[in-house]
Amino acid sequence: MHRNRKQIYWFVVVLTVFFIVFCSISLVNHYLFRTYALDLGMFNQALRNAAQLQKPTFTLGIAGEEIPFLATHFSPIIFLFAPLYFIFGNYTLLIVQIVAILFGGAGIFLYSKHRMNSDSVTPIVALIHFLSIWGIYSALTYDFHSNVLGAMLIPWLFLFYERKQFKHAFIVVILAVLTIENMAIWLAFVIAALAISSYNRKKLVQVDIPLFAFCVLSAIIIIWVAMPLLQSTSTNMQFERYLWLGETPMQVVLNLILSPINLFKVLFVNTTSDVAYNYIKLEFHIMVLVSGGILFLLRPRFLFMLIPIYLLKMIPNDYNFWGINNQYSIEFVPMLSIAAISTISELKINYRLPFAIALAIVTAAATAFTMENRVSKWYDGINTRFYSKQHYQTEFDIKRINEAIRITDGSKTVSASSRLAPHLNARKIYSYPFVKDAEYILLLPKSNTWPLSADDFKKSIDTLSQSQHFTKVYSDNDLLIFKRNERKAIR
C-alpha cells in the first residue's frame, strides 16, 4: 500500500513538472505572438465558428479562398472542445494539446504498470522517457496540430487491447479516427500487427477483423470520398505532395514496391536538387534510433505499424516533412515508448530499471542537444528553449498590441499578418496580402512578411496608406491597423 502511494506521488510530480515545461513552451509562444495563421489560426477559426454555431470554414490559406474546414484537415474531434472556447479563448486548443500529451503519458504509465506487474519504479522512468522524447517538444514549439491528439490515444489502445477491454479499445479507435484524415490508415496497420502478434481465432473474428475493417472503411470514406467532396475536386488535394512519384496514389505505391531504389531514396536521400537539405533524413533516423528505435529491430512489428507514417513523412518532395521539426514526428513518440516498455518488461527484473534509466537519460540528452543544434531547416530554437532567458523576451509591446487589436472584436472579416491571426475573433480571417471584403487590416511590420518579400510588403503598406478605401486608425512601431472606409471590396 505504501509503495503504491509513493508511486502515485511520483506520477503526479512528474506530470506536474512536465505540465509546467510544456506550458512554458506552447502558451508562452502564443502569448508572445509566436504562433501562426497556419496552423493555429486555421484551427482557432474553425473552433471559434463552431462555438458560435456558425459554419466552420477556413479562409487563411495562401489562396485566400473560403472552404470548409474539414476539407483541409478532417479533424471533427476539435468540435468537442468548442464549449471550452468560452473559457480559454484562443488558448483553448493549445491547452487541449498539452493535456492530451499528459493523457498519453498517463496511458504509458498504466501500460508500463500492466507489463511490469509488481515493479513500482520502472513505470515512472518509462513515463519520464515518454515525456522526454524530442517529437513532443517539436510539436509544442509550433502551434496546435490534431495528429498530436490521435498519437496520444495510441498508448490507451495498447493498454485496453492487452487487457482485453475491447469495447474501450474500439472507443479509442473511433476517437482517433476523428483526429485527422490519415489516422485510420495508421490504425489499420497497428491493429493488423496486434492481431498477428497475439493471434487468437476467436479474437480475430470478433475483434481484430471488425476493428481493421472499420479503419479501412473510415480511411476510404474520409480520404477518397468526404474530403474530395468538401474540396469540390475529383481527388483529395492532400495527395498533391506525393504525386512526384506517380500520377495517382496507387502509382506512387506501386513505384515504391517495384523499385527498391525509389524506396531507398524516399527513406534516406534528399530528393530535391538543393544540397542544403542533405542529411535532414539522416538526422531524423539517428534521433529515432537513440530514443529507443534500435529496439524496433528486436520488435519488427513496431516497424510494420509505422510503415504508413514513414511513407507519409518521407514521400513528399518537401524537406519540411522529413526532419525532426514541427508535428511531423509525433506519431513516433508513443511507438518508441511502447517498444521500449515491451522490451524492458521481458528482461530479468534486475536489468529492467538500469535499462529504463539509461534509455531515458540518452533520450533526454538527445532532445536537449537538438534544442540547441539541428540539421532540419527553419528551426528557431528560441521558440523551444524554455530554459533560456531569450525564450521569454520579445520585440513586441504585448500589452499595447492586445489592447489595440480589440478594435476588431465583433468584425465579421479581417485581413492580418500571420502571427496576429490566431489571436483574432473575426468569423473570416484572411492572410495578408489577401484583403477582399475585410473590414480591418492588421499588420506587424517587424514580423515575417511571407508570402510577400520585405520590399513588396513595405510597398503594400505605402499603397494602403494612400488608398481611398482604407484609413489608418492605429500606428506604432509594432502594429498597423487600417479600417475600411466603404463597403466596396478590394480584389
Foldseek 3Di string as FASTA:
>chain_A
DVLVVVLVVLLVVVLVVLLVQLCLQQVLCLLQLNAFCPPLLLLLLQLLCLLVVHQRWGQADPVRDTFHSCLVWQAVLVNVQSVCCVVVPLCRQLNVLSVLLSLLLVLQLVQLCVLQPPDRPLSSLLSLLLSLFQLSLQASLYHGALLSNLLSLVSVLVSCVVVVVQVSNLVSLVNSCNRTQCSLVLVLLVLVLVCVVDPDPVCCVPHSVVSNVVSVVSNCCSQQNVNCVRVVHNHRPLCVQQPVQHPDPVSSVVSVVVDVVVVCCLQANLPDPDCLLHCQLVQAVVLLVLLQVVLCVVVVSLVSSCVVLSCSQRRGNDLLSRHSHHNSCSNSSVSSSVSLSVVLSPDDPVVNRVVSNVSSVSSNVSSVVVLPDDSRPPDDSLSRPSVDPSVNDHPDPSVVVLVVLCVCVPPQEEEEDTSCSSVDNHSYYYHPPDGFQHQKYKYFLPDDPPPDDNVVVVVVVVCQPPDPQWHWPDDDNGMTMIGGPDRHTDD
